[in-house]
N, C-alpha and C. Protein backbone atom coordinates (compact mmCIF):
# COMPACT_ATOMS: atom_id res chain seq x y z
N MET A 1 4.26 3.17 -25.95
CA MET A 1 3.21 3.86 -25.23
C MET A 1 3.61 4.06 -23.76
N TYR A 2 3.67 3.03 -23.00
CA TYR A 2 4.12 3.05 -21.62
C TYR A 2 3.49 4.16 -20.79
N ASP A 3 2.17 4.18 -20.74
CA ASP A 3 1.48 5.14 -19.89
C ASP A 3 1.64 4.74 -18.44
N LYS A 4 1.71 5.75 -17.57
CA LYS A 4 1.76 5.49 -16.14
C LYS A 4 0.32 5.43 -15.66
N LEU A 5 -0.10 4.26 -15.18
CA LEU A 5 -1.48 4.05 -14.76
C LEU A 5 -1.51 3.47 -13.36
N THR A 6 -2.57 3.80 -12.63
CA THR A 6 -2.77 3.20 -11.31
C THR A 6 -3.56 1.90 -11.49
N LYS A 7 -3.62 1.11 -10.44
CA LYS A 7 -4.39 -0.13 -10.52
C LYS A 7 -5.85 0.14 -10.82
N SER A 8 -6.40 1.23 -10.27
CA SER A 8 -7.81 1.55 -10.53
C SER A 8 -8.01 1.97 -11.99
N ASP A 9 -7.02 2.65 -12.60
CA ASP A 9 -7.12 2.99 -14.02
C ASP A 9 -7.15 1.73 -14.86
N ILE A 10 -6.26 0.79 -14.53
CA ILE A 10 -6.22 -0.47 -15.27
C ILE A 10 -7.53 -1.22 -15.10
N GLN A 11 -8.07 -1.18 -13.90
CA GLN A 11 -9.35 -1.85 -13.66
C GLN A 11 -10.46 -1.22 -14.50
N LYS A 12 -10.49 0.10 -14.60
CA LYS A 12 -11.51 0.78 -15.41
C LYS A 12 -11.35 0.44 -16.88
N LEU A 13 -10.11 0.38 -17.34
CA LEU A 13 -9.87 -0.01 -18.73
C LEU A 13 -10.33 -1.43 -18.98
N GLN A 14 -10.05 -2.33 -18.03
CA GLN A 14 -10.47 -3.72 -18.17
C GLN A 14 -12.00 -3.83 -18.17
N GLU A 15 -12.66 -3.01 -17.35
CA GLU A 15 -14.13 -3.00 -17.35
C GLU A 15 -14.66 -2.57 -18.70
N GLU A 16 -14.03 -1.56 -19.31
CA GLU A 16 -14.47 -1.13 -20.64
C GLU A 16 -14.25 -2.23 -21.67
N ILE A 17 -13.10 -2.91 -21.59
CA ILE A 17 -12.82 -4.02 -22.51
C ILE A 17 -13.88 -5.10 -22.36
N ASP A 18 -14.18 -5.48 -21.11
CA ASP A 18 -15.18 -6.52 -20.86
C ASP A 18 -16.54 -6.11 -21.40
N TYR A 19 -16.93 -4.86 -21.18
CA TYR A 19 -18.21 -4.36 -21.68
C TYR A 19 -18.24 -4.41 -23.20
N ARG A 20 -17.16 -3.97 -23.83
CA ARG A 20 -17.12 -3.96 -25.29
C ARG A 20 -17.14 -5.38 -25.86
N LYS A 21 -16.49 -6.31 -25.18
CA LYS A 21 -16.46 -7.70 -25.67
C LYS A 21 -17.80 -8.39 -25.45
N LEU A 22 -18.43 -8.15 -24.29
CA LEU A 22 -19.65 -8.87 -23.95
C LEU A 22 -20.93 -8.23 -24.48
N VAL A 23 -20.96 -6.92 -24.56
CA VAL A 23 -22.20 -6.23 -24.94
C VAL A 23 -22.08 -5.60 -26.33
N VAL A 24 -21.12 -4.72 -26.50
CA VAL A 24 -21.02 -3.97 -27.76
C VAL A 24 -20.72 -4.90 -28.93
N ARG A 25 -19.79 -5.85 -28.73
CA ARG A 25 -19.44 -6.78 -29.81
C ARG A 25 -20.66 -7.59 -30.24
N LYS A 26 -21.42 -8.08 -29.27
CA LYS A 26 -22.63 -8.87 -29.57
C LYS A 26 -23.63 -8.04 -30.37
N ASN A 27 -23.86 -6.80 -29.95
CA ASN A 27 -24.79 -5.92 -30.66
C ASN A 27 -24.29 -5.58 -32.06
N ALA A 28 -22.98 -5.38 -32.20
CA ALA A 28 -22.41 -5.04 -33.50
C ALA A 28 -22.54 -6.21 -34.48
N ILE A 29 -22.30 -7.41 -34.00
CA ILE A 29 -22.44 -8.60 -34.86
C ILE A 29 -23.88 -8.77 -35.29
N GLU A 30 -24.82 -8.55 -34.38
CA GLU A 30 -26.24 -8.63 -34.72
C GLU A 30 -26.61 -7.58 -35.75
N ALA A 31 -26.07 -6.37 -35.61
CA ALA A 31 -26.38 -5.29 -36.56
C ALA A 31 -25.85 -5.64 -37.96
N VAL A 32 -24.66 -6.25 -38.02
CA VAL A 32 -24.10 -6.65 -39.31
C VAL A 32 -24.96 -7.73 -39.94
N LYS A 33 -25.38 -8.72 -39.15
CA LYS A 33 -26.23 -9.79 -39.67
C LYS A 33 -27.55 -9.25 -40.20
N GLU A 34 -28.14 -8.35 -39.41
CA GLU A 34 -29.43 -7.77 -39.81
C GLU A 34 -29.28 -6.95 -41.08
N ALA A 35 -28.21 -6.17 -41.18
CA ALA A 35 -28.00 -5.34 -42.36
C ALA A 35 -27.69 -6.18 -43.59
N ARG A 36 -27.02 -7.32 -43.39
CA ARG A 36 -26.68 -8.21 -44.51
C ARG A 36 -27.95 -8.78 -45.15
N GLU A 37 -28.99 -8.94 -44.36
CA GLU A 37 -30.24 -9.51 -44.86
C GLU A 37 -31.02 -8.55 -45.76
N HIS A 38 -30.61 -7.28 -45.81
CA HIS A 38 -31.33 -6.29 -46.61
C HIS A 38 -31.01 -6.36 -48.10
N GLY A 39 -30.15 -7.26 -48.52
CA GLY A 39 -29.93 -7.43 -49.97
C GLY A 39 -28.53 -7.09 -50.41
N ASP A 40 -28.43 -6.50 -51.59
CA ASP A 40 -27.17 -6.21 -52.26
C ASP A 40 -26.21 -5.44 -51.34
N LEU A 41 -25.06 -6.06 -51.03
CA LEU A 41 -24.11 -5.46 -50.09
C LEU A 41 -23.35 -4.28 -50.68
N SER A 42 -23.21 -4.20 -51.99
CA SER A 42 -22.46 -3.12 -52.61
C SER A 42 -23.17 -1.77 -52.47
N GLU A 43 -24.50 -1.79 -52.34
CA GLU A 43 -25.26 -0.55 -52.21
C GLU A 43 -26.00 -0.46 -50.88
N ASN A 44 -25.59 -1.27 -49.93
CA ASN A 44 -26.28 -1.35 -48.65
C ASN A 44 -25.55 -0.49 -47.61
N PHE A 45 -26.07 0.72 -47.39
CA PHE A 45 -25.45 1.66 -46.45
C PHE A 45 -25.47 1.11 -45.03
N GLU A 46 -26.57 0.48 -44.62
CA GLU A 46 -26.68 -0.06 -43.26
C GLU A 46 -25.60 -1.10 -42.99
N TYR A 47 -25.31 -1.93 -44.01
CA TYR A 47 -24.28 -2.96 -43.85
C TYR A 47 -22.91 -2.32 -43.65
N HIS A 48 -22.57 -1.33 -44.48
CA HIS A 48 -21.27 -0.67 -44.37
C HIS A 48 -21.14 0.08 -43.05
N ALA A 49 -22.20 0.72 -42.60
CA ALA A 49 -22.17 1.43 -41.33
C ALA A 49 -22.02 0.45 -40.17
N ALA A 50 -22.73 -0.68 -40.23
CA ALA A 50 -22.63 -1.69 -39.17
C ALA A 50 -21.23 -2.29 -39.13
N LYS A 51 -20.64 -2.57 -40.28
CA LYS A 51 -19.27 -3.09 -40.34
C LYS A 51 -18.28 -2.08 -39.77
N LYS A 52 -18.49 -0.81 -40.09
CA LYS A 52 -17.60 0.24 -39.60
C LYS A 52 -17.68 0.34 -38.08
N ASP A 53 -18.89 0.26 -37.52
CA ASP A 53 -19.06 0.30 -36.06
C ASP A 53 -18.40 -0.92 -35.40
N LYS A 54 -18.58 -2.08 -36.03
CA LYS A 54 -17.97 -3.31 -35.50
C LYS A 54 -16.46 -3.19 -35.50
N ASN A 55 -15.90 -2.71 -36.59
CA ASN A 55 -14.44 -2.55 -36.69
C ASN A 55 -13.91 -1.50 -35.72
N ARG A 56 -14.65 -0.43 -35.52
CA ARG A 56 -14.26 0.61 -34.56
C ARG A 56 -14.22 0.03 -33.15
N ASN A 57 -15.19 -0.79 -32.81
CA ASN A 57 -15.22 -1.43 -31.50
C ASN A 57 -14.02 -2.37 -31.32
N GLU A 58 -13.74 -3.18 -32.34
CA GLU A 58 -12.60 -4.11 -32.26
C GLU A 58 -11.28 -3.34 -32.14
N SER A 59 -11.18 -2.23 -32.85
CA SER A 59 -9.98 -1.40 -32.78
C SER A 59 -9.80 -0.83 -31.37
N ARG A 60 -10.88 -0.37 -30.77
CA ARG A 60 -10.82 0.18 -29.40
C ARG A 60 -10.41 -0.90 -28.41
N ILE A 61 -10.93 -2.11 -28.57
CA ILE A 61 -10.55 -3.22 -27.68
C ILE A 61 -9.05 -3.48 -27.79
N ARG A 62 -8.52 -3.56 -29.01
CA ARG A 62 -7.09 -3.79 -29.19
C ARG A 62 -6.25 -2.66 -28.59
N TYR A 63 -6.70 -1.42 -28.77
CA TYR A 63 -6.00 -0.26 -28.22
C TYR A 63 -5.94 -0.33 -26.69
N LEU A 64 -7.07 -0.63 -26.05
CA LEU A 64 -7.11 -0.71 -24.60
C LEU A 64 -6.26 -1.86 -24.08
N GLU A 65 -6.32 -3.01 -24.76
CA GLU A 65 -5.51 -4.15 -24.33
C GLU A 65 -4.02 -3.84 -24.45
N ARG A 66 -3.63 -3.16 -25.52
CA ARG A 66 -2.23 -2.77 -25.68
C ARG A 66 -1.82 -1.76 -24.61
N MET A 67 -2.73 -0.84 -24.27
CA MET A 67 -2.44 0.14 -23.23
C MET A 67 -2.20 -0.55 -21.89
N ILE A 68 -3.03 -1.54 -21.55
CA ILE A 68 -2.85 -2.27 -20.30
C ILE A 68 -1.55 -3.06 -20.33
N LYS A 69 -1.28 -3.70 -21.46
CA LYS A 69 -0.09 -4.55 -21.58
C LYS A 69 1.19 -3.74 -21.42
N THR A 70 1.22 -2.52 -21.93
CA THR A 70 2.44 -1.71 -21.90
C THR A 70 2.46 -0.71 -20.75
N ALA A 71 1.46 -0.72 -19.88
CA ALA A 71 1.37 0.28 -18.81
C ALA A 71 2.44 0.07 -17.75
N GLN A 72 2.86 1.18 -17.21
CA GLN A 72 3.73 1.17 -16.04
C GLN A 72 2.83 1.46 -14.85
N VAL A 73 2.70 0.50 -13.95
CA VAL A 73 1.78 0.64 -12.81
C VAL A 73 2.44 1.51 -11.75
N ILE A 74 1.72 2.57 -11.34
CA ILE A 74 2.21 3.46 -10.30
C ILE A 74 1.27 3.40 -9.10
N SER A 75 1.78 3.76 -7.97
CA SER A 75 0.98 3.74 -6.74
C SER A 75 0.08 4.96 -6.67
N ASP A 76 -1.10 4.78 -6.13
CA ASP A 76 -2.00 5.92 -5.94
C ASP A 76 -2.10 6.29 -4.47
N THR A 77 -1.14 5.81 -3.68
CA THR A 77 -1.14 6.14 -2.26
C THR A 77 -0.10 7.23 -1.98
N SER A 78 -0.36 8.01 -0.98
CA SER A 78 0.58 9.05 -0.56
C SER A 78 0.35 9.29 0.93
N ALA A 79 1.28 10.00 1.53
CA ALA A 79 1.11 10.36 2.95
C ALA A 79 -0.12 11.25 3.09
N ASN A 80 -0.73 11.22 4.26
CA ASN A 80 -1.96 11.98 4.49
C ASN A 80 -1.80 13.48 4.29
N ASP A 81 -0.61 13.99 4.53
CA ASP A 81 -0.42 15.44 4.44
C ASP A 81 0.32 15.87 3.17
N GLU A 82 0.49 14.95 2.21
CA GLU A 82 1.19 15.26 0.97
C GLU A 82 0.27 15.16 -0.24
N VAL A 83 0.60 15.91 -1.29
CA VAL A 83 -0.14 15.83 -2.54
C VAL A 83 0.21 14.50 -3.21
N GLY A 84 -0.82 13.76 -3.61
CA GLY A 84 -0.63 12.48 -4.28
C GLY A 84 -1.72 12.26 -5.31
N MET A 85 -1.71 11.07 -5.89
CA MET A 85 -2.70 10.72 -6.91
C MET A 85 -4.11 10.78 -6.33
N ASN A 86 -5.04 11.24 -7.13
CA ASN A 86 -6.47 11.33 -6.80
C ASN A 86 -6.77 12.29 -5.66
N ASN A 87 -5.83 13.15 -5.32
CA ASN A 87 -6.09 14.19 -4.32
C ASN A 87 -6.58 15.44 -5.03
N THR A 88 -7.49 16.17 -4.37
CA THR A 88 -7.94 17.45 -4.88
C THR A 88 -7.14 18.52 -4.15
N VAL A 89 -6.53 19.41 -4.92
CA VAL A 89 -5.60 20.39 -4.37
C VAL A 89 -6.05 21.80 -4.73
N GLU A 90 -6.08 22.67 -3.72
CA GLU A 90 -6.39 24.07 -3.96
C GLU A 90 -5.07 24.82 -4.03
N LEU A 91 -4.83 25.49 -5.18
CA LEU A 91 -3.57 26.19 -5.43
C LEU A 91 -3.80 27.68 -5.56
N TYR A 92 -2.87 28.45 -4.99
CA TYR A 92 -2.89 29.90 -5.14
C TYR A 92 -1.78 30.27 -6.12
N PHE A 93 -2.16 30.91 -7.23
CA PHE A 93 -1.20 31.35 -8.24
C PHE A 93 -0.79 32.79 -7.91
N GLU A 94 0.46 32.94 -7.50
CA GLU A 94 0.95 34.25 -7.05
C GLU A 94 0.91 35.30 -8.15
N ASP A 95 1.34 34.95 -9.36
CA ASP A 95 1.41 35.92 -10.46
C ASP A 95 0.04 36.46 -10.83
N ASP A 96 -0.98 35.61 -10.77
CA ASP A 96 -2.33 36.01 -11.17
C ASP A 96 -3.20 36.43 -10.00
N ASP A 97 -2.74 36.18 -8.78
CA ASP A 97 -3.52 36.43 -7.57
C ASP A 97 -4.88 35.72 -7.63
N GLU A 98 -4.84 34.45 -8.07
CA GLU A 98 -6.05 33.63 -8.20
C GLU A 98 -5.86 32.29 -7.51
N THR A 99 -6.96 31.70 -7.11
CA THR A 99 -6.95 30.37 -6.50
C THR A 99 -7.76 29.43 -7.39
N GLU A 100 -7.18 28.26 -7.68
CA GLU A 100 -7.87 27.27 -8.50
C GLU A 100 -7.75 25.91 -7.82
N THR A 101 -8.71 25.04 -8.13
CA THR A 101 -8.74 23.70 -7.54
C THR A 101 -8.57 22.67 -8.64
N TYR A 102 -7.68 21.70 -8.40
CA TYR A 102 -7.40 20.64 -9.37
C TYR A 102 -7.39 19.29 -8.67
N LYS A 103 -7.73 18.28 -9.43
CA LYS A 103 -7.58 16.90 -8.96
C LYS A 103 -6.43 16.29 -9.74
N ILE A 104 -5.51 15.63 -9.04
CA ILE A 104 -4.35 15.02 -9.67
C ILE A 104 -4.72 13.61 -10.12
N VAL A 105 -4.61 13.35 -11.43
CA VAL A 105 -4.97 12.05 -12.00
C VAL A 105 -3.88 11.61 -12.98
N THR A 106 -4.04 10.43 -13.56
CA THR A 106 -3.10 9.96 -14.57
C THR A 106 -3.45 10.57 -15.92
N THR A 107 -2.57 10.38 -16.89
CA THR A 107 -2.74 11.03 -18.20
C THR A 107 -4.00 10.60 -18.94
N ILE A 108 -4.48 9.38 -18.71
CA ILE A 108 -5.66 8.95 -19.46
C ILE A 108 -6.95 9.55 -18.91
N ARG A 109 -6.91 10.08 -17.68
CA ARG A 109 -8.11 10.65 -17.09
C ARG A 109 -8.09 12.17 -17.02
N GLU A 110 -7.00 12.79 -17.49
CA GLU A 110 -6.89 14.24 -17.37
C GLU A 110 -7.91 14.96 -18.25
N ASP A 111 -8.42 16.06 -17.73
CA ASP A 111 -9.35 16.92 -18.46
C ASP A 111 -9.31 18.27 -17.77
N SER A 112 -8.53 19.19 -18.30
CA SER A 112 -8.33 20.47 -17.62
C SER A 112 -9.62 21.27 -17.50
N LEU A 113 -10.56 21.08 -18.42
CA LEU A 113 -11.84 21.79 -18.33
C LEU A 113 -12.67 21.30 -17.15
N GLU A 114 -12.45 20.06 -16.74
CA GLU A 114 -13.15 19.48 -15.59
C GLU A 114 -12.33 19.60 -14.31
N GLY A 115 -11.16 20.23 -14.38
CA GLY A 115 -10.33 20.42 -13.19
C GLY A 115 -9.47 19.22 -12.85
N ARG A 116 -9.26 18.31 -13.80
CA ARG A 116 -8.41 17.14 -13.56
C ARG A 116 -7.11 17.33 -14.36
N ILE A 117 -5.98 17.39 -13.64
CA ILE A 117 -4.70 17.54 -14.32
C ILE A 117 -3.84 16.32 -14.09
N SER A 118 -2.98 16.06 -15.04
CA SER A 118 -2.12 14.88 -15.01
C SER A 118 -0.98 15.06 -14.02
N ASN A 119 -0.57 13.95 -13.43
CA ASN A 119 0.60 13.96 -12.56
C ASN A 119 1.88 14.21 -13.37
N GLU A 120 1.80 14.11 -14.69
CA GLU A 120 2.95 14.36 -15.55
C GLU A 120 2.96 15.76 -16.14
N SER A 121 1.92 16.55 -15.88
CA SER A 121 1.88 17.94 -16.36
C SER A 121 2.86 18.76 -15.51
N PRO A 122 3.24 19.95 -15.98
CA PRO A 122 4.17 20.77 -15.18
C PRO A 122 3.67 21.05 -13.76
N ILE A 123 2.39 21.38 -13.62
CA ILE A 123 1.87 21.64 -12.26
C ILE A 123 1.84 20.35 -11.45
N GLY A 124 1.31 19.29 -12.04
CA GLY A 124 1.22 18.01 -11.33
C GLY A 124 2.58 17.51 -10.88
N ARG A 125 3.56 17.55 -11.78
CA ARG A 125 4.91 17.09 -11.46
C ARG A 125 5.51 17.93 -10.34
N ALA A 126 5.26 19.24 -10.36
CA ALA A 126 5.87 20.15 -9.38
C ALA A 126 5.28 19.96 -7.98
N ILE A 127 3.98 19.75 -7.86
CA ILE A 127 3.36 19.73 -6.53
C ILE A 127 3.31 18.35 -5.89
N MET A 128 3.56 17.28 -6.67
CA MET A 128 3.50 15.93 -6.11
C MET A 128 4.48 15.81 -4.94
N GLY A 129 3.99 15.28 -3.82
CA GLY A 129 4.83 15.06 -2.65
C GLY A 129 4.99 16.26 -1.74
N HIS A 130 4.45 17.42 -2.14
CA HIS A 130 4.55 18.62 -1.30
C HIS A 130 3.36 18.68 -0.33
N LYS A 131 3.48 19.54 0.68
CA LYS A 131 2.48 19.64 1.74
C LYS A 131 1.74 20.97 1.68
N GLU A 132 0.66 21.05 2.45
CA GLU A 132 -0.10 22.30 2.54
C GLU A 132 0.81 23.41 3.02
N GLY A 133 0.67 24.59 2.41
CA GLY A 133 1.47 25.74 2.79
C GLY A 133 2.78 25.86 2.03
N ASP A 134 3.19 24.79 1.32
CA ASP A 134 4.44 24.85 0.56
C ASP A 134 4.30 25.80 -0.63
N ARG A 135 5.37 26.55 -0.87
CA ARG A 135 5.47 27.40 -2.06
C ARG A 135 6.32 26.62 -3.06
N VAL A 136 5.73 26.33 -4.23
CA VAL A 136 6.37 25.43 -5.19
C VAL A 136 6.59 26.16 -6.51
N TYR A 137 7.78 25.95 -7.09
CA TYR A 137 8.09 26.53 -8.39
C TYR A 137 7.65 25.55 -9.47
N VAL A 138 6.80 26.01 -10.40
CA VAL A 138 6.32 25.20 -11.52
C VAL A 138 7.13 25.60 -12.74
N LYS A 139 7.99 24.67 -13.20
CA LYS A 139 8.84 24.95 -14.36
C LYS A 139 8.11 24.50 -15.62
N VAL A 140 7.74 25.46 -16.46
CA VAL A 140 7.04 25.17 -17.71
C VAL A 140 8.05 24.77 -18.78
N ASN A 141 9.10 25.54 -18.92
CA ASN A 141 10.21 25.22 -19.82
C ASN A 141 11.47 25.86 -19.26
N ASP A 142 12.56 25.82 -20.01
CA ASP A 142 13.83 26.34 -19.48
C ASP A 142 13.82 27.83 -19.20
N SER A 143 12.96 28.57 -19.88
CA SER A 143 12.97 30.02 -19.72
C SER A 143 11.75 30.58 -18.97
N TYR A 144 10.80 29.73 -18.61
CA TYR A 144 9.60 30.26 -17.95
C TYR A 144 9.12 29.32 -16.85
N GLY A 145 8.68 29.90 -15.77
CA GLY A 145 8.09 29.18 -14.66
C GLY A 145 7.35 30.16 -13.77
N TYR A 146 6.67 29.65 -12.77
CA TYR A 146 5.91 30.50 -11.85
C TYR A 146 5.76 29.78 -10.52
N TYR A 147 5.34 30.52 -9.49
CA TYR A 147 5.18 29.95 -8.16
C TYR A 147 3.70 29.74 -7.84
N VAL A 148 3.42 28.64 -7.16
CA VAL A 148 2.09 28.39 -6.61
C VAL A 148 2.25 28.03 -5.14
N VAL A 149 1.20 28.30 -4.38
CA VAL A 149 1.18 27.94 -2.97
C VAL A 149 0.06 26.92 -2.78
N ILE A 150 0.37 25.81 -2.13
CA ILE A 150 -0.63 24.77 -1.88
C ILE A 150 -1.46 25.20 -0.67
N LYS A 151 -2.71 25.57 -0.92
CA LYS A 151 -3.59 26.07 0.15
C LYS A 151 -4.26 24.93 0.91
N HIS A 152 -4.71 23.91 0.18
CA HIS A 152 -5.47 22.83 0.83
C HIS A 152 -5.33 21.54 0.01
N ILE A 153 -5.25 20.42 0.72
CA ILE A 153 -5.20 19.10 0.09
C ILE A 153 -6.37 18.29 0.62
N GLU A 154 -7.17 17.76 -0.28
CA GLU A 154 -8.31 16.93 0.10
C GLU A 154 -8.11 15.53 -0.45
N ARG A 155 -8.01 14.57 0.45
CA ARG A 155 -7.85 13.17 0.03
C ARG A 155 -9.20 12.63 -0.39
N GLN A 156 -9.19 11.84 -1.45
CA GLN A 156 -10.43 11.27 -1.98
C GLN A 156 -10.55 9.82 -1.59
N MET A 157 -11.76 9.42 -1.20
CA MET A 157 -12.05 8.01 -1.05
C MET A 157 -12.36 7.50 -2.44
N THR A 158 -11.78 6.39 -2.81
CA THR A 158 -12.08 5.83 -4.13
C THR A 158 -12.95 4.60 -3.95
N VAL A 159 -13.85 4.41 -4.89
CA VAL A 159 -14.71 3.25 -4.88
C VAL A 159 -14.22 2.30 -5.96
N MET A 160 -13.84 1.10 -5.53
CA MET A 160 -13.40 0.10 -6.49
C MET A 160 -14.58 -0.80 -6.80
N THR A 161 -14.74 -1.12 -8.06
CA THR A 161 -15.83 -1.97 -8.49
C THR A 161 -15.27 -3.29 -8.97
N GLU A 162 -15.83 -4.36 -8.46
CA GLU A 162 -15.44 -5.68 -8.92
C GLU A 162 -16.59 -6.28 -9.71
N TYR A 163 -16.25 -6.96 -10.78
CA TYR A 163 -17.25 -7.66 -11.56
C TYR A 163 -17.00 -9.15 -11.40
N ALA A 164 -18.05 -9.89 -11.21
CA ALA A 164 -17.93 -11.34 -11.09
C ALA A 164 -18.90 -11.99 -12.07
N VAL A 165 -18.44 -13.01 -12.75
CA VAL A 165 -19.31 -13.73 -13.68
C VAL A 165 -19.95 -14.88 -12.90
N ILE A 166 -21.27 -14.92 -12.93
CA ILE A 166 -22.04 -15.91 -12.19
C ILE A 166 -22.16 -17.18 -13.00
N LYS A 167 -21.82 -18.31 -12.40
CA LYS A 167 -21.97 -19.60 -13.08
C LYS A 167 -23.41 -20.09 -12.93
N SER A 168 -23.92 -20.03 -11.73
CA SER A 168 -25.33 -20.36 -11.52
C SER A 168 -25.79 -19.67 -10.25
N PHE A 169 -26.91 -19.01 -10.33
CA PHE A 169 -27.44 -18.26 -9.20
C PHE A 169 -28.95 -18.15 -9.41
N THR A 170 -29.71 -18.20 -8.36
CA THR A 170 -31.16 -18.17 -8.47
C THR A 170 -31.63 -16.90 -9.18
N ASN A 171 -32.50 -17.04 -10.14
CA ASN A 171 -33.14 -15.96 -10.89
C ASN A 171 -32.21 -15.16 -11.80
N LEU A 172 -30.96 -15.57 -11.96
CA LEU A 172 -30.06 -14.88 -12.87
C LEU A 172 -29.63 -15.83 -13.97
N PRO A 173 -29.58 -15.35 -15.20
CA PRO A 173 -29.13 -16.22 -16.29
C PRO A 173 -27.65 -16.54 -16.13
N GLU A 174 -27.24 -17.71 -16.60
CA GLU A 174 -25.85 -18.12 -16.51
C GLU A 174 -24.97 -17.16 -17.29
N GLY A 175 -23.83 -16.81 -16.73
CA GLY A 175 -22.91 -15.88 -17.38
C GLY A 175 -23.25 -14.42 -17.11
N CYS A 176 -24.25 -14.15 -16.31
CA CYS A 176 -24.66 -12.79 -15.99
C CYS A 176 -23.54 -12.10 -15.19
N ILE A 177 -23.36 -10.83 -15.42
CA ILE A 177 -22.32 -10.08 -14.71
C ILE A 177 -22.98 -9.28 -13.61
N ILE A 178 -22.42 -9.40 -12.39
CA ILE A 178 -22.90 -8.59 -11.29
C ILE A 178 -21.77 -7.67 -10.83
N LYS A 179 -22.10 -6.63 -10.11
CA LYS A 179 -21.14 -5.65 -9.68
C LYS A 179 -21.13 -5.58 -8.16
N ARG A 180 -19.92 -5.55 -7.57
CA ARG A 180 -19.77 -5.39 -6.13
C ARG A 180 -18.82 -4.23 -5.90
N GLN A 181 -19.20 -3.34 -5.00
CA GLN A 181 -18.34 -2.17 -4.76
C GLN A 181 -17.66 -2.30 -3.40
N MET A 182 -16.40 -1.86 -3.37
CA MET A 182 -15.64 -1.84 -2.13
C MET A 182 -15.09 -0.43 -1.97
N LEU A 183 -15.04 0.04 -0.74
CA LEU A 183 -14.47 1.34 -0.47
C LEU A 183 -12.99 1.18 -0.17
N LYS A 184 -12.17 2.05 -0.75
CA LYS A 184 -10.75 2.07 -0.47
C LYS A 184 -10.44 3.44 0.10
N ILE A 185 -9.98 3.47 1.32
CA ILE A 185 -9.73 4.75 1.99
C ILE A 185 -8.24 5.01 2.03
């Protein structure tokens, strides 16, 4: 697998794992127990559906853990005037005479319909490290490519979320999860 992920991507994956282990797993086990009480398991649709949901959750947890384990951690920092991770970039496509805006993200967060492109895509790979006003050749394959001009680079402030498990705190049950946000500029 060896996905290239930033520390914030890994943190988001870990948050999903924690949520699935602490909340979804508990609910899935309860659903299986409740469905088992309905009688004959061979004809019990609720039981089979609950087991399927439980197994799907466990499979997703294993997938995310493997993704974190095999990830190659990359930096999400760049110079203030260069295209880097989590920057929003306005590009002018010379061939089409159009301007489009994209945010550069890692492969697990890319969604071209939402304007998020991967740093490993042809456009992302080509513009990384370039500055405003640069004319960059985007090589799609050996026989085709096109030029784009970087019109504007907008650096994003990212919000990092930390989760802490409370051992004992007034008015909160033991083991309760709280969230603290920090700004990273």
